[in-house]
Amino acid sequence: MVKNTWISRTAARLDLPEDLISDLPRIEWIAMKTLKIENHKGLNHFSDSCIELHIASGILIIQGEILSVSTLTHDEVSIHGHIHSISLKG
Protein backbone atom coordinates (compact mmCIF):
# COMPACT_ATOMS: atom_id res chain seq x y z
CA MET A 1 0.00 0.00 0.00
CA VAL A 2 2.82 2.41 0.85
CA LYS A 3 4.51 1.69 -2.48
CA ASN A 4 1.29 2.38 -4.42
CA THR A 5 0.72 5.64 -2.54
CA TRP A 6 4.30 6.74 -3.20
CA ILE A 7 3.96 5.91 -6.92
CA SER A 8 0.66 7.79 -7.16
CA ARG A 9 2.08 10.88 -5.45
CA THR A 10 5.24 10.83 -7.57
CA ALA A 11 3.25 10.48 -10.80
CA ALA A 12 1.00 13.37 -9.78
CA ARG A 13 3.94 15.63 -8.87
CA LEU A 14 5.73 14.89 -12.13
CA ASP A 15 2.48 15.16 -14.10
CA LEU A 16 3.02 11.68 -15.57
CA PRO A 17 0.56 8.86 -16.11
CA GLU A 18 0.89 6.37 -13.27
CA ASP A 19 1.40 3.43 -15.65
CA LEU A 20 4.67 4.95 -16.88
CA ILE A 21 6.39 4.62 -13.51
CA SER A 22 4.72 1.49 -12.18
CA ASP A 23 4.02 -2.02 -13.40
CA LEU A 24 0.34 -1.34 -14.05
CA PRO A 25 -0.85 -2.70 -17.39
CA ARG A 26 -1.87 -0.34 -20.17
CA ILE A 27 -4.72 -1.79 -22.21
CA GLU A 28 -5.89 -0.40 -25.54
CA TRP A 29 -8.98 -1.98 -27.18
CA ILE A 30 -9.44 -0.92 -30.81
CA ALA A 31 -12.67 -1.52 -32.78
CA MET A 32 -13.52 -4.77 -30.93
CA LYS A 33 -10.88 -6.53 -33.07
CA THR A 34 -7.46 -5.52 -31.71
CA LEU A 35 -6.18 -5.47 -28.15
CA LYS A 36 -2.77 -4.05 -27.20
CA ILE A 37 -1.47 -4.70 -23.70
CA GLU A 38 1.73 -3.26 -22.23
CA ASN A 39 3.40 -4.33 -18.97
CA HIS A 40 2.22 -7.94 -19.02
CA LYS A 41 4.18 -10.61 -17.16
CA GLY A 42 3.72 -13.50 -19.59
CA LEU A 43 1.28 -15.67 -21.49
CA ASN A 44 -0.52 -18.20 -19.29
CA HIS A 45 -2.98 -19.83 -21.72
CA PHE A 46 -3.63 -19.57 -25.44
CA SER A 47 -6.39 -20.91 -27.66
CA ASP A 48 -8.44 -19.43 -30.51
CA SER A 49 -11.24 -18.62 -28.03
CA CYS A 50 -9.38 -17.62 -24.83
CA ILE A 51 -6.07 -15.96 -24.00
CA GLU A 52 -4.84 -15.50 -20.43
CA LEU A 53 -2.02 -13.11 -19.52
CA HIS A 54 -0.25 -12.60 -16.20
CA ILE A 55 -0.35 -8.96 -15.09
CA ALA A 56 0.73 -7.35 -11.82
CA SER A 57 -2.76 -7.57 -10.29
CA GLY A 58 -3.70 -11.10 -11.42
CA ILE A 59 -4.72 -12.83 -14.64
CA LEU A 60 -6.23 -10.93 -17.57
CA ILE A 61 -8.67 -13.13 -19.50
CA ILE A 62 -9.57 -12.26 -23.10
CA GLN A 63 -12.42 -14.25 -24.63
CA GLY A 64 -13.61 -14.24 -28.21
CA GLU A 65 -13.42 -16.02 -31.54
CA ILE A 66 -10.54 -16.57 -33.95
CA LEU A 67 -8.09 -15.01 -31.47
CA SER A 68 -4.44 -14.77 -32.46
CA VAL A 69 -1.32 -13.17 -31.03
CA SER A 70 0.38 -11.00 -33.64
CA THR A 71 3.07 -9.44 -31.42
CA LEU A 72 4.59 -10.86 -28.25
CA THR A 73 7.56 -9.21 -26.57
CA HIS A 74 8.76 -9.24 -22.97
CA ASP A 75 6.35 -6.43 -22.03
CA GLU A 76 3.88 -5.97 -24.91
CA VAL A 77 1.33 -8.19 -26.65
CA SER A 78 -1.09 -7.53 -29.53
CA ILE A 79 -4.14 -9.75 -29.90
CA HIS A 80 -6.43 -9.86 -32.93
CA GLY A 81 -9.79 -11.52 -33.51
CA HIS A 82 -13.42 -11.05 -32.55
CA ILE A 83 -12.99 -9.98 -28.90
CA HIS A 84 -16.12 -10.50 -26.78
CA SER A 85 -14.89 -9.80 -23.25
CA ILE A 86 -11.96 -8.83 -21.08
CA SER A 87 -11.96 -9.79 -17.42
CA LEU A 88 -9.59 -9.85 -14.47
CA LYS A 89 -9.13 -12.78 -12.10
CA GLY A 90 -7.24 -12.25 -8.86
PDB file of N, CA and C in Angstrom:
ATOM      1  N   MET A   1       0.828  -1.202   0.000  1.00  0.00           N
ATOM      2  CA  MET A   1       0.000   0.000   0.000  1.00  0.00           C
ATOM      3  C   MET A   1       0.864   1.255   0.000  1.00  0.00           C
ATOM      4  N   VAL A   2       1.944   1.246   0.789  1.00  0.00           N
ATOM      5  CA  VAL A   2       2.824   2.410   0.850  1.00  0.00           C
ATOM      6  C   VAL A   2       3.469   2.654  -0.503  1.00  0.00           C
ATOM      7  N   LYS A   3       3.888   1.568  -1.173  1.00  0.00           N
ATOM      8  CA  LYS A   3       4.512   1.692  -2.485  1.00  0.00           C
ATOM      9  C   LYS A   3       3.540   2.316  -3.486  1.00  0.00           C
ATOM     10  N   ASN A   4       2.286   1.851  -3.499  1.00  0.00           N
ATOM     11  CA  ASN A   4       1.289   2.383  -4.422  1.00  0.00           C
ATOM     12  C   ASN A   4       1.004   3.858  -4.154  1.00  0.00           C
ATOM     13  N   THR A   5       0.952   4.243  -2.887  1.00  0.00           N
ATOM     14  CA  THR A   5       0.722   5.640  -2.537  1.00  0.00           C
ATOM     15  C   THR A   5       1.892   6.499  -3.001  1.00  0.00           C
ATOM     16  N   TRP A   6       3.104   6.017  -2.776  1.00  0.00           N
ATOM     17  CA  TRP A   6       4.300   6.742  -3.202  1.00  0.00           C
ATOM     18  C   TRP A   6       4.314   6.899  -4.718  1.00  0.00           C
ATOM     19  N   ILE A   7       3.996   5.853  -5.456  1.00  0.00           N
ATOM     20  CA  ILE A   7       3.962   5.908  -6.921  1.00  0.00           C
ATOM     21  C   ILE A   7       2.907   6.900  -7.385  1.00  0.00           C
ATOM     22  N   SER A   8       1.737   6.864  -6.783  1.00  0.00           N
ATOM     23  CA  SER A   8       0.664   7.794  -7.160  1.00  0.00           C
ATOM     24  C   SER A   8       1.065   9.244  -6.917  1.00  0.00           C
ATOM     25  N   ARG A   9       1.662   9.513  -5.760  1.00  0.00           N
ATOM     26  CA  ARG A   9       2.083  10.884  -5.446  1.00  0.00           C
ATOM     27  C   ARG A   9       3.181  11.349  -6.391  1.00  0.00           C
ATOM     28  N   THR A  10       4.136  10.470  -6.665  1.00  0.00           N
ATOM     29  CA  THR A  10       5.237  10.829  -7.568  1.00  0.00           C
ATOM     30  C   THR A  10       4.714  11.113  -8.970  1.00  0.00           C
ATOM     31  N   ALA A  11       3.831  10.272  -9.469  1.00  0.00           N
ATOM     32  CA  ALA A  11       3.247  10.477 -10.803  1.00  0.00           C
ATOM     33  C   ALA A  11       2.496  11.798 -10.857  1.00  0.00           C
ATOM     34  N   ALA A  12       1.748  12.118  -9.805  1.00  0.00           N
ATOM     35  CA  ALA A  12       0.997  13.374  -9.778  1.00  0.00           C
ATOM     36  C   ALA A  12       1.935  14.579  -9.759  1.00  0.00           C
ATOM     37  N   ARG A  13       2.996  14.504  -8.959  1.00  0.00           N
ATOM     38  CA  ARG A  13       3.937  15.626  -8.875  1.00  0.00           C
ATOM     39  C   ARG A  13       4.688  15.851 -10.175  1.00  0.00           C
ATOM     40  N   LEU A  14       5.012  14.771 -10.868  1.00  0.00           N
ATOM     41  CA  LEU A  14       5.735  14.888 -12.134  1.00  0.00           C
ATOM     42  C   LEU A  14       4.794  15.059 -13.332  1.00  0.00           C
ATOM     43  N   ASP A  15       3.502  15.044 -13.066  1.00  0.00           N
ATOM     44  CA  ASP A  15       2.480  15.163 -14.103  1.00  0.00           C
ATOM     45  C   ASP A  15       2.656  14.071 -15.178  1.00  0.00           C
ATOM     46  N   LEU A  16       2.857  12.837 -14.692  1.00  0.00           N
ATOM     47  CA  LEU A  16       3.025  11.684 -15.570  1.00  0.00           C
ATOM     48  C   LEU A  16       1.897  10.687 -15.327  1.00  0.00           C
ATOM     49  N   PRO A  17       1.519   9.937 -16.350  1.00  0.00           N
ATOM     50  CA  PRO A  17       0.557   8.855 -16.115  1.00  0.00           C
ATOM     51  C   PRO A  17       1.170   7.814 -15.183  1.00  0.00           C
ATOM     52  N   GLU A  18       0.384   7.307 -14.272  1.00  0.00           N
ATOM     53  CA  GLU A  18       0.892   6.371 -13.269  1.00  0.00           C
ATOM     54  C   GLU A  18       1.455   5.097 -13.897  1.00  0.00           C
ATOM     55  N   ASP A  19       0.908   4.663 -15.034  1.00  0.00           N
ATOM     56  CA  ASP A  19       1.399   3.430 -15.647  1.00  0.00           C
ATOM     57  C   ASP A  19       2.818   3.549 -16.189  1.00  0.00           C
ATOM     58  N   LEU A  20       3.307   4.778 -16.398  1.00  0.00           N
ATOM     59  CA  LEU A  20       4.671   4.947 -16.881  1.00  0.00           C
ATOM     60  C   LEU A  20       5.724   4.630 -15.826  1.00  0.00           C
ATOM     61  N   ILE A  21       5.392   4.839 -14.556  1.00  0.00           N
ATOM     62  CA  ILE A  21       6.389   4.624 -13.511  1.00  0.00           C
ATOM     63  C   ILE A  21       6.037   3.456 -12.595  1.00  0.00           C
ATOM     64  N   SER A  22       5.067   2.664 -12.967  1.00  0.00           N
ATOM     65  CA  SER A  22       4.715   1.486 -12.178  1.00  0.00           C
ATOM     66  C   SER A  22       4.573   0.296 -13.118  1.00  0.00           C
ATOM     67  N   ASP A  23       4.208  -0.837 -12.570  1.00  0.00           N
ATOM     68  CA  ASP A  23       4.016  -2.017 -13.398  1.00  0.00           C
ATOM     69  C   ASP A  23       2.545  -2.263 -13.733  1.00  0.00           C
ATOM     70  N   LEU A  24       1.741  -1.214 -13.669  1.00  0.00           N
ATOM     71  CA  LEU A  24       0.340  -1.336 -14.051  1.00  0.00           C
ATOM     72  C   LEU A  24       0.227  -1.602 -15.552  1.00  0.00           C
ATOM     73  N   PRO A  25      -0.695  -2.457 -15.959  1.00  0.00           N
ATOM     74  CA  PRO A  25      -0.848  -2.701 -17.389  1.00  0.00           C
ATOM     75  C   PRO A  25      -1.543  -1.534 -18.080  1.00  0.00           C
ATOM     76  N   ARG A  26      -1.186  -1.321 -19.329  1.00  0.00           N
ATOM     77  CA  ARG A  26      -1.868  -0.340 -20.165  1.00  0.00           C
ATOM     78  C   ARG A  26      -2.578  -1.137 -21.235  1.00  0.00           C
ATOM     79  N   ILE A  27      -3.907  -0.995 -21.304  1.00  0.00           N
ATOM     80  CA  ILE A  27      -4.724  -1.791 -22.210  1.00  0.00           C
ATOM     81  C   ILE A  27      -5.422  -0.869 -23.196  1.00  0.00           C
ATOM     82  N   GLU A  28      -5.263  -1.171 -24.470  1.00  0.00           N
ATOM     83  CA  GLU A  28      -5.887  -0.395 -25.541  1.00  0.00           C
ATOM     84  C   GLU A  28      -6.726  -1.359 -26.379  1.00  0.00           C
ATOM     85  N   TRP A  29      -8.045  -1.128 -26.439  1.00  0.00           N
ATOM     86  CA  TRP A  29      -8.976  -1.984 -27.184  1.00  0.00           C
ATOM     87  C   TRP A  29      -9.458  -1.187 -28.380  1.00  0.00           C
ATOM     88  N   ILE A  30      -9.159  -1.666 -29.583  1.00  0.00           N
ATOM     89  CA  ILE A  30      -9.439  -0.922 -30.806  1.00  0.00           C
ATOM     90  C   ILE A  30     -10.473  -1.671 -31.645  1.00  0.00           C
ATOM     91  N   ALA A  31     -11.629  -1.049 -31.855  1.00  0.00           N
ATOM     92  CA  ALA A  31     -12.668  -1.517 -32.778  1.00  0.00           C
ATOM     93  C   ALA A  31     -13.102  -2.961 -32.535  1.00  0.00           C
ATOM     94  N   MET A  32     -13.078  -3.417 -31.295  1.00  0.00           N
ATOM     95  CA  MET A  32     -13.522  -4.767 -30.928  1.00  0.00           C
ATOM     96  C   MET A  32     -12.717  -5.875 -31.613  1.00  0.00           C
ATOM     97  N   LYS A  33     -11.641  -5.524 -32.324  1.00  0.00           N
ATOM     98  CA  LYS A  33     -10.875  -6.525 -33.067  1.00  0.00           C
ATOM     99  C   LYS A  33      -9.399  -6.583 -32.690  1.00  0.00           C
ATOM    100  N   THR A  34      -8.878  -5.561 -32.060  1.00  0.00           N
ATOM    101  CA  THR A  34      -7.463  -5.525 -31.706  1.00  0.00           C
ATOM    102  C   THR A  34      -7.322  -5.101 -30.249  1.00  0.00           C
ATOM    103  N   LEU A  35      -6.443  -5.782 -29.548  1.00  0.00           N
ATOM    104  CA  LEU A  35      -6.176  -5.474 -28.154  1.00  0.00           C
ATOM    105  C   LEU A  35      -4.662  -5.373 -27.992  1.00  0.00           C
ATOM    106  N   LYS A  36      -4.190  -4.241 -27.469  1.00  0.00           N
ATOM    107  CA  LYS A  36      -2.768  -4.054 -27.203  1.00  0.00           C
ATOM    108  C   LYS A  36      -2.580  -3.900 -25.700  1.00  0.00           C
ATOM    109  N   ILE A  37      -1.690  -4.706 -25.141  1.00  0.00           N
ATOM    110  CA  ILE A  37      -1.468  -4.698 -23.701  1.00  0.00           C
ATOM    111  C   ILE A  37       0.027  -4.519 -23.439  1.00  0.00           C
ATOM    112  N   GLU A  38       0.354  -3.504 -22.647  1.00  0.00           N
ATOM    113  CA  GLU A  38       1.732  -3.263 -22.229  1.00  0.00           C
ATOM    114  C   GLU A  38       1.866  -3.638 -20.765  1.00  0.00           C
ATOM    115  N   ASN A  39       3.070  -3.973 -20.353  1.00  0.00           N
ATOM    116  CA  ASN A  39       3.403  -4.334 -18.972  1.00  0.00           C
ATOM    117  C   ASN A  39       2.773  -5.653 -18.537  1.00  0.00           C
ATOM    118  N   HIS A  40       2.674  -6.622 -19.433  1.00  0.00           N
ATOM    119  CA  HIS A  40       2.219  -7.945 -19.022  1.00  0.00           C
ATOM    120  C   HIS A  40       3.414  -8.725 -18.476  1.00  0.00           C
ATOM    121  N   LYS A  41       3.131  -9.799 -17.782  1.00  0.00           N
ATOM    122  CA  LYS A  41       4.184 -10.611 -17.159  1.00  0.00           C
ATOM    123  C   LYS A  41       4.347 -11.971 -17.831  1.00  0.00           C
ATOM    124  N   GLY A  42       3.579 -12.238 -18.877  1.00  0.00           N
ATOM    125  CA  GLY A  42       3.716 -13.501 -19.593  1.00  0.00           C
ATOM    126  C   GLY A  42       2.383 -14.080 -20.006  1.00  0.00           C
ATOM    127  N   LEU A  43       2.448 -14.987 -20.948  1.00  0.00           N
ATOM    128  CA  LEU A  43       1.275 -15.670 -21.486  1.00  0.00           C
ATOM    129  C   LEU A  43       1.027 -16.926 -20.657  1.00  0.00           C
ATOM    130  N   ASN A  44      -0.168 -17.070 -20.132  1.00  0.00           N
ATOM    131  CA  ASN A  44      -0.523 -18.197 -19.286  1.00  0.00           C
ATOM    132  C   ASN A  44      -1.256 -19.287 -20.068  1.00  0.00           C
ATOM    133  N   HIS A  45      -2.166 -18.883 -20.947  1.00  0.00           N
ATOM    134  CA  HIS A  45      -2.978 -19.835 -21.722  1.00  0.00           C
ATOM    135  C   HIS A  45      -3.281 -19.205 -23.074  1.00  0.00           C
ATOM    136  N   PHE A  46      -3.315 -20.068 -24.103  1.00  0.00           N
ATOM    137  CA  PHE A  46      -3.632 -19.566 -25.443  1.00  0.00           C
ATOM    138  C   PHE A  46      -4.466 -20.592 -26.191  1.00  0.00           C
ATOM    139  N   SER A  47      -5.593 -20.131 -26.718  1.00  0.00           N
ATOM    140  CA  SER A  47      -6.391 -20.908 -27.664  1.00  0.00           C
ATOM    141  C   SER A  47      -7.070 -19.897 -28.582  1.00  0.00           C
ATOM    142  N   ASP A  48      -7.794 -20.375 -29.590  1.00  0.00           N
ATOM    143  CA  ASP A  48      -8.439 -19.428 -30.505  1.00  0.00           C
ATOM    144  C   ASP A  48      -9.684 -18.785 -29.900  1.00  0.00           C
ATOM    145  N   SER A  49     -10.078 -19.222 -28.678  1.00  0.00           N
ATOM    146  CA  SER A  49     -11.244 -18.617 -28.029  1.00  0.00           C
ATOM    147  C   SER A  49     -10.940 -17.964 -26.677  1.00  0.00           C
ATOM    148  N   CYS A  50      -9.738 -18.194 -26.138  1.00  0.00           N
ATOM    149  CA  CYS A  50      -9.383 -17.621 -24.830  1.00  0.00           C
ATOM    150  C   CYS A  50      -7.875 -17.439 -24.717  1.00  0.00           C
ATOM    151  N   ILE A  51      -7.473 -16.252 -24.262  1.00  0.00           N
ATOM    152  CA  ILE A  51      -6.071 -15.963 -24.001  1.00  0.00           C
ATOM    153  C   ILE A  51      -5.971 -15.418 -22.580  1.00  0.00           C
ATOM    154  N   GLU A  52      -5.051 -15.967 -21.798  1.00  0.00           N
ATOM    155  CA  GLU A  52      -4.835 -15.502 -20.427  1.00  0.00           C
ATOM    156  C   GLU A  52      -3.423 -14.957 -20.299  1.00  0.00           C
ATOM    157  N   LEU A  53      -3.312 -13.760 -19.729  1.00  0.00           N
ATOM    158  CA  LEU A  53      -2.021 -13.108 -19.519  1.00  0.00           C
ATOM    159  C   LEU A  53      -1.817 -12.815 -18.039  1.00  0.00           C
ATOM    160  N   HIS A  54      -0.605 -13.036 -17.557  1.00  0.00           N
ATOM    161  CA  HIS A  54      -0.254 -12.603 -16.202  1.00  0.00           C
ATOM    162  C   HIS A  54      -0.027 -11.095 -16.240  1.00  0.00           C
ATOM    163  N   ILE A  55      -0.620 -10.385 -15.286  1.00  0.00           N
ATOM    164  CA  ILE A  55      -0.349  -8.963 -15.087  1.00  0.00           C
ATOM    165  C   ILE A  55      -0.090  -8.767 -13.594  1.00  0.00           C
ATOM    166  N   ALA A  56       0.340  -7.602 -13.212  1.00  0.00           N
ATOM    167  CA  ALA A  56       0.729  -7.350 -11.821  1.00  0.00           C
ATOM    168  C   ALA A  56      -0.401  -7.630 -10.830  1.00  0.00           C
ATOM    169  N   SER A  57      -1.645  -7.410 -11.223  1.00  0.00           N
ATOM    170  CA  SER A  57      -2.758  -7.566 -10.293  1.00  0.00           C
ATOM    171  C   SER A  57      -3.521  -8.876 -10.456  1.00  0.00           C
ATOM    172  N   GLY A  58      -3.026  -9.810 -11.269  1.00  0.00           N
ATOM    173  CA  GLY A  58      -3.704 -11.097 -11.424  1.00  0.00           C
ATOM    174  C   GLY A  58      -3.570 -11.651 -12.830  1.00  0.00           C
ATOM    175  N   ILE A  59      -4.665 -12.239 -13.305  1.00  0.00           N
ATOM    176  CA  ILE A  59      -4.716 -12.834 -14.643  1.00  0.00           C
ATOM    177  C   ILE A  59      -5.746 -12.076 -15.471  1.00  0.00           C
ATOM    178  N   LEU A  60      -5.330 -11.603 -16.635  1.00  0.00           N
ATOM    179  CA  LEU A  60      -6.225 -10.927 -17.571  1.00  0.00           C
ATOM    180  C   LEU A  60      -6.732 -11.984 -18.540  1.00  0.00           C
ATOM    181  N   ILE A  61      -8.061 -12.114 -18.653  1.00  0.00           N
ATOM    182  CA  ILE A  61      -8.674 -13.134 -19.500  1.00  0.00           C
ATOM    183  C   ILE A  61      -9.376 -12.449 -20.668  1.00  0.00           C
ATOM    184  N   ILE A  62      -8.965 -12.799 -21.875  1.00  0.00           N
ATOM    185  CA  ILE A  62      -9.568 -12.264 -23.097  1.00  0.00           C
ATOM    186  C   ILE A  62     -10.320 -13.398 -23.766  1.00  0.00           C
ATOM    187  N   GLN A  63     -11.611 -13.220 -23.995  1.00  0.00           N
ATOM    188  CA  GLN A  63     -12.416 -14.254 -24.632  1.00  0.00           C
ATOM    189  C   GLN A  63     -12.981 -13.737 -25.942  1.00  0.00           C
ATOM    190  N   GLY A  64     -13.082 -14.622 -26.918  1.00  0.00           N
ATOM    191  CA  GLY A  64     -13.605 -14.237 -28.210  1.00  0.00           C
ATOM    192  C   GLY A  64     -13.562 -15.381 -29.199  1.00  0.00           C
ATOM    193  N   GLU A  65     -13.462 -15.034 -30.463  1.00  0.00           N
ATOM    194  CA  GLU A  65     -13.416 -16.023 -31.535  1.00  0.00           C
ATOM    195  C   GLU A  65     -12.255 -15.684 -32.460  1.00  0.00           C
ATOM    196  N   ILE A  66     -11.647 -16.704 -33.001  1.00  0.00           N
ATOM    197  CA  ILE A  66     -10.543 -16.572 -33.953  1.00  0.00           C
ATOM    198  C   ILE A  66      -9.446 -15.657 -33.379  1.00  0.00           C
ATOM    199  N   LEU A  67      -9.108 -15.842 -32.115  1.00  0.00           N
ATOM    200  CA  LEU A  67      -8.086 -15.014 -31.474  1.00  0.00           C
ATOM    201  C   LEU A  67      -6.692 -15.458 -31.910  1.00  0.00           C
ATOM    202  N   SER A  68      -5.825 -14.488 -32.120  1.00  0.00           N
ATOM    203  CA  SER A  68      -4.439 -14.772 -32.459  1.00  0.00           C
ATOM    204  C   SER A  68      -3.546 -13.710 -31.833  1.00  0.00           C
ATOM    205  N   VAL A  69      -2.316 -14.087 -31.568  1.00  0.00           N
ATOM    206  CA  VAL A  69      -1.320 -13.167 -31.029  1.00  0.00           C
ATOM    207  C   VAL A  69      -0.420 -12.748 -32.185  1.00  0.00           C
ATOM    208  N   SER A  70      -0.431 -11.468 -32.508  1.00  0.00           N
ATOM    209  CA  SER A  70       0.381 -10.995 -33.637  1.00  0.00           C
ATOM    210  C   SER A  70       1.733 -10.458 -33.196  1.00  0.00           C
ATOM    211  N   THR A  71       1.811  -9.941 -31.971  1.00  0.00           N
ATOM    212  CA  THR A  71       3.067  -9.441 -31.418  1.00  0.00           C
ATOM    213  C   THR A  71       3.181  -9.930 -29.986  1.00  0.00           C
ATOM    214  N   LEU A  72       4.346 -10.449 -29.628  1.00  0.00           N
ATOM    215  CA  LEU A  72       4.589 -10.863 -28.253  1.00  0.00           C
ATOM    216  C   LEU A  72       6.042 -10.550 -27.915  1.00  0.00           C
ATOM    217  N   THR A  73       6.233  -9.543 -27.063  1.00  0.00           N
ATOM    218  CA  THR A  73       7.565  -9.207 -26.571  1.00  0.00           C
ATOM    219  C   THR A  73       7.562  -9.370 -25.057  1.00  0.00           C
ATOM    220  N   HIS A  74       8.663  -9.060 -24.415  1.00  0.00           N
ATOM    221  CA  HIS A  74       8.758  -9.242 -22.969  1.00  0.00           C
ATOM    222  C   HIS A  74       7.774  -8.374 -22.183  1.00  0.00           C
ATOM    223  N   ASP A  75       7.290  -7.288 -22.764  1.00  0.00           N
ATOM    224  CA  ASP A  75       6.348  -6.435 -22.027  1.00  0.00           C
ATOM    225  C   ASP A  75       5.138  -5.976 -22.837  1.00  0.00           C
ATOM    226  N   GLU A  76       4.999  -6.416 -24.084  1.00  0.00           N
ATOM    227  CA  GLU A  76       3.880  -5.971 -24.911  1.00  0.00           C
ATOM    228  C   GLU A  76       3.319  -7.143 -25.712  1.00  0.00           C
ATOM    229  N   VAL A  77       2.001  -7.166 -25.845  1.00  0.00           N
ATOM    230  CA  VAL A  77       1.330  -8.186 -26.646  1.00  0.00           C
ATOM    231  C   VAL A  77       0.201  -7.535 -27.444  1.00  0.00           C
ATOM    232  N   SER A  78       0.025  -7.972 -28.694  1.00  0.00           N
ATOM    233  CA  SER A  78      -1.089  -7.531 -29.529  1.00  0.00           C
ATOM    234  C   SER A  78      -1.920  -8.755 -29.887  1.00  0.00           C
ATOM    235  N   ILE A  79      -3.211  -8.651 -29.657  1.00  0.00           N
ATOM    236  CA  ILE A  79      -4.142  -9.752 -29.897  1.00  0.00           C
ATOM    237  C   ILE A  79      -5.166  -9.299 -30.923  1.00  0.00           C
ATOM    238  N   HIS A  80      -5.439 -10.164 -31.897  1.00  0.00           N
ATOM    239  CA  HIS A  80      -6.431  -9.858 -32.933  1.00  0.00           C
ATOM    240  C   HIS A  80      -7.495 -10.941 -32.939  1.00  0.00           C
ATOM    241  N   GLY A  81      -8.679 -10.588 -33.410  1.00  0.00           N
ATOM    242  CA  GLY A  81      -9.789 -11.521 -33.515  1.00  0.00           C
ATOM    243  C   GLY A  81     -11.076 -10.814 -33.134  1.00  0.00           C
ATOM    244  N   HIS A  82     -12.128 -11.595 -32.983  1.00  0.00           N
ATOM    245  CA  HIS A  82     -13.419 -11.046 -32.548  1.00  0.00           C
ATOM    246  C   HIS A  82     -13.459 -11.116 -31.028  1.00  0.00           C
ATOM    247  N   ILE A  83     -13.115 -10.020 -30.365  1.00  0.00           N
ATOM    248  CA  ILE A  83     -12.994  -9.977 -28.904  1.00  0.00           C
ATOM    249  C   ILE A  83     -14.361  -9.705 -28.296  1.00  0.00           C
ATOM    250  N   HIS A  84     -14.811 -10.631 -27.435  1.00  0.00           N
ATOM    251  CA  HIS A  84     -16.118 -10.502 -26.776  1.00  0.00           C
ATOM    252  C   HIS A  84     -16.020  -9.901 -25.384  1.00  0.00           C
ATOM    253  N   SER A  85     -14.972 -10.284 -24.641  1.00  0.00           N
ATOM    254  CA  SER A  85     -14.886  -9.803 -23.254  1.00  0.00           C
ATOM    255  C   SER A  85     -13.447  -9.790 -22.767  1.00  0.00           C
ATOM    256  N   ILE A  86     -13.229  -8.917 -21.787  1.00  0.00           N
ATOM    257  CA  ILE A  86     -11.960  -8.832 -21.079  1.00  0.00           C
ATOM    258  C   ILE A  86     -12.305  -8.843 -19.597  1.00  0.00           C
ATOM    259  N   SER A  87     -11.683  -9.736 -18.848  1.00  0.00           N
ATOM    260  CA  SER A  87     -11.963  -9.794 -17.418  1.00  0.00           C
ATOM    261  C   SER A  87     -10.669 -10.004 -16.632  1.00  0.00           C
ATOM    262  N   LEU A  88     -10.750  -9.734 -15.351  1.00  0.00           N
ATOM    263  CA  LEU A  88      -9.589  -9.851 -14.472  1.00  0.00           C
ATOM    264  C   LEU A  88      -9.896 -10.851 -13.372  1.00  0.00           C
ATOM    265  N   LYS A  89      -8.990 -11.795 -13.175  1.00  0.00           N
ATOM    266  CA  LYS A  89      -9.127 -12.780 -12.104  1.00  0.00           C
ATOM    267  C   LYS A  89      -7.958 -12.573 -11.142  1.00  0.00           C
ATOM    268  N   GLY A  90      -8.300 -12.394  -9.865  1.00  0.00           N
ATOM    269  CA  GLY A  90      -7.238 -12.250  -8.858  1.00  0.00           C
ATOM    270  C   GLY A  90      -7.055 -10.928  -8.350  1.00  0.00           C
TER     271      GLY A  90
END
